[in-house]
Amino acid sequence: MTGIAGLPVVTATFPFLAGAYCPTIHTPADELPALLSGLHRVLAPGGQLPLAFQAGERPLRIERPWGHPVTPGFHRRRPEDMTRLLREAGSALTSRTVREPEERLGESVSRAYLLARKSAQVTTHVRG
């Protein structure tokens, strides 16, 4: 997902990025600022960015899910850290939900859901 920062899309294009729901789970921590900045860049003014992830600090390693070998693990994130990174990328947090694990689904950690919004103000740069 590291290529998302350089999406070949016109800046301020999308009002909502549904495909951005979970990209952070496979992104190393040092690449998160570029990922979130890239997503913020393609959002239209007032556009919304939903993020969902497993809350926590320890990554989940599954070597053979569904019987197939995989390389990446699943990075768990602290909601506070993700909120800070969203703000640094230029988005404002509008909603935050952290829910407890659903034992009936085999979950062992909480899930976090964040909704951020890009400012509706359009900034114009004047060269002089």
Protein backbone atom coordinates (compact mmCIF):
# COMPACT_ATOMS: atom_id res chain seq x y z
CA MET A 1 0.00 0.00 0.00
CA THR A 2 2.98 2.34 0.10
CA GLY A 3 2.27 3.42 -3.48
CA ILE A 4 -0.99 5.03 -2.38
CA ALA A 5 0.88 8.21 -1.43
CA GLY A 6 1.65 8.76 -5.10
CA LEU A 7 -1.75 7.86 -6.51
CA PRO A 8 -1.98 8.98 -10.14
CA VAL A 9 -5.17 10.88 -9.35
CA VAL A 10 -5.89 14.57 -9.50
CA THR A 11 -5.66 16.29 -6.12
CA ALA A 12 -9.00 16.92 -4.37
CA THR A 13 -10.94 14.41 -6.47
CA PHE A 14 -12.94 12.14 -4.15
CA PRO A 15 -15.66 13.10 -1.64
CA PHE A 16 -15.31 9.74 0.18
CA LEU A 17 -12.61 7.06 0.14
CA ALA A 18 -14.38 3.77 0.88
CA GLY A 19 -11.39 1.77 -0.34
CA ALA A 20 -9.28 3.35 2.39
CA TYR A 21 -11.13 1.47 5.09
CA CYS A 22 -8.30 -0.83 6.24
CA PRO A 23 -5.00 -0.06 4.42
CA THR A 24 -3.16 0.73 7.63
CA ILE A 25 -3.13 -2.87 8.86
CA HIS A 26 -0.45 -3.84 6.32
CA THR A 27 1.52 -0.57 6.37
CA PRO A 28 4.68 -0.31 8.49
CA ALA A 29 4.53 2.49 11.08
CA ASP A 30 7.23 4.59 9.38
CA GLU A 31 5.17 4.65 6.15
CA LEU A 32 1.87 5.73 7.76
CA PRO A 33 2.46 9.51 7.40
CA ALA A 34 2.99 9.17 3.63
CA LEU A 35 -0.04 6.87 3.31
CA LEU A 36 -2.37 9.24 5.17
CA SER A 37 -0.99 12.30 3.36
CA GLY A 38 -1.63 10.59 0.02
CA LEU A 39 -5.19 9.75 1.00
CA HIS A 40 -5.76 13.30 2.27
CA ARG A 41 -4.39 14.75 -0.98
CA VAL A 42 -6.98 13.03 -3.18
CA LEU A 43 -9.91 13.94 -0.92
CA ALA A 44 -12.13 16.75 -2.16
CA PRO A 45 -12.66 19.67 0.26
CA GLY A 46 -15.07 18.39 2.92
CA GLY A 47 -14.32 14.79 1.85
CA GLN A 48 -14.44 11.97 4.37
CA LEU A 49 -11.84 9.34 5.14
CA PRO A 50 -12.91 6.25 7.12
CA LEU A 51 -10.26 4.07 8.77
CA ALA A 52 -10.74 0.77 10.59
CA PHE A 53 -8.08 -1.27 12.33
CA GLN A 54 -7.38 -3.61 15.20
CA ALA A 55 -6.61 -1.56 18.29
CA GLY A 56 -3.48 -2.39 20.21
CA GLU A 57 0.28 -2.35 20.03
CA ARG A 58 1.38 -5.91 19.27
CA PRO A 59 1.21 -7.05 15.61
CA LEU A 60 -0.66 -10.17 14.62
CA ARG A 61 1.41 -12.74 12.74
CA ILE A 62 -0.38 -15.43 10.77
CA GLU A 63 1.96 -17.48 8.63
CA ARG A 64 -0.58 -19.56 6.70
CA PRO A 65 -4.07 -18.05 6.77
CA TRP A 66 -6.51 -20.16 4.79
CA GLY A 67 -3.66 -22.58 4.11
CA HIS A 68 -1.56 -20.13 2.05
CA PRO A 69 1.78 -18.61 3.11
CA VAL A 70 1.81 -14.83 3.51
CA THR A 71 4.57 -12.34 4.23
CA PRO A 72 2.91 -9.33 5.88
CA GLY A 73 1.48 -9.39 9.33
CA PHE A 74 -1.35 -7.28 10.60
CA HIS A 75 -0.24 -4.14 12.40
CA ARG A 76 -2.39 -3.10 15.31
CA ARG A 77 -2.63 0.60 16.02
CA ARG A 78 -3.44 2.81 18.96
CA PRO A 79 -6.43 5.06 18.11
CA GLU A 80 -4.63 8.04 19.70
CA ASP A 81 -1.64 7.57 17.39
CA MET A 82 -3.82 7.27 14.29
CA THR A 83 -5.78 10.38 15.29
CA ARG A 84 -2.52 12.34 15.63
CA LEU A 85 -1.31 11.11 12.22
CA LEU A 86 -4.62 12.06 10.59
CA ARG A 87 -4.35 15.57 12.04
CA GLU A 88 -0.76 15.87 10.88
CA ALA A 89 -1.92 14.90 7.36
CA GLY A 90 -4.46 17.74 7.47
CA SER A 91 -7.67 15.93 8.38
CA ALA A 92 -9.94 16.59 11.36
CA LEU A 93 -11.36 13.68 13.33
CA THR A 94 -15.18 13.69 13.29
CA SER A 95 -15.91 10.29 14.84
CA ARG A 96 -14.07 7.69 16.91
CA THR A 97 -15.44 4.35 18.05
CA VAL A 98 -13.53 1.58 19.77
CA ARG A 99 -15.50 -1.59 20.30
CA GLU A 100 -14.72 -4.63 22.38
CA PRO A 101 -13.78 -7.94 20.71
CA GLU A 102 -16.63 -10.15 19.52
CA GLU A 103 -15.84 -13.53 21.09
CA ARG A 104 -18.46 -15.27 18.94
CA LEU A 105 -16.43 -14.16 15.90
CA GLY A 106 -13.15 -15.36 17.40
CA GLU A 107 -11.84 -11.84 17.93
CA SER A 108 -9.31 -11.29 20.70
CA VAL A 109 -8.64 -7.55 20.38
CA SER A 110 -10.72 -4.38 20.13
CA ARG A 111 -11.53 -2.75 16.80
CA ALA A 112 -11.19 0.98 16.17
CA TYR A 113 -13.16 3.01 13.64
CA LEU A 114 -12.14 6.58 12.82
CA LEU A 115 -13.82 9.02 10.48
CA ALA A 116 -11.84 12.07 9.40
CA ARG A 117 -12.84 15.00 7.21
CA LYS A 118 -10.74 17.26 5.02
CA SER A 119 -11.36 20.95 5.56
CA ALA A 120 -14.04 22.37 3.26
CA GLN A 121 -11.97 25.52 2.77
CA VAL A 122 -10.14 25.73 -0.50
CA THR A 123 -6.76 27.39 -0.20
CA THR A 124 -5.42 29.37 -3.12
CA HIS A 125 -1.76 30.15 -3.43
CA VAL A 126 -0.93 33.44 -5.13
CA ARG A 127 2.49 33.84 -6.63
CA GLY A 128 3.93 37.27 -6.57
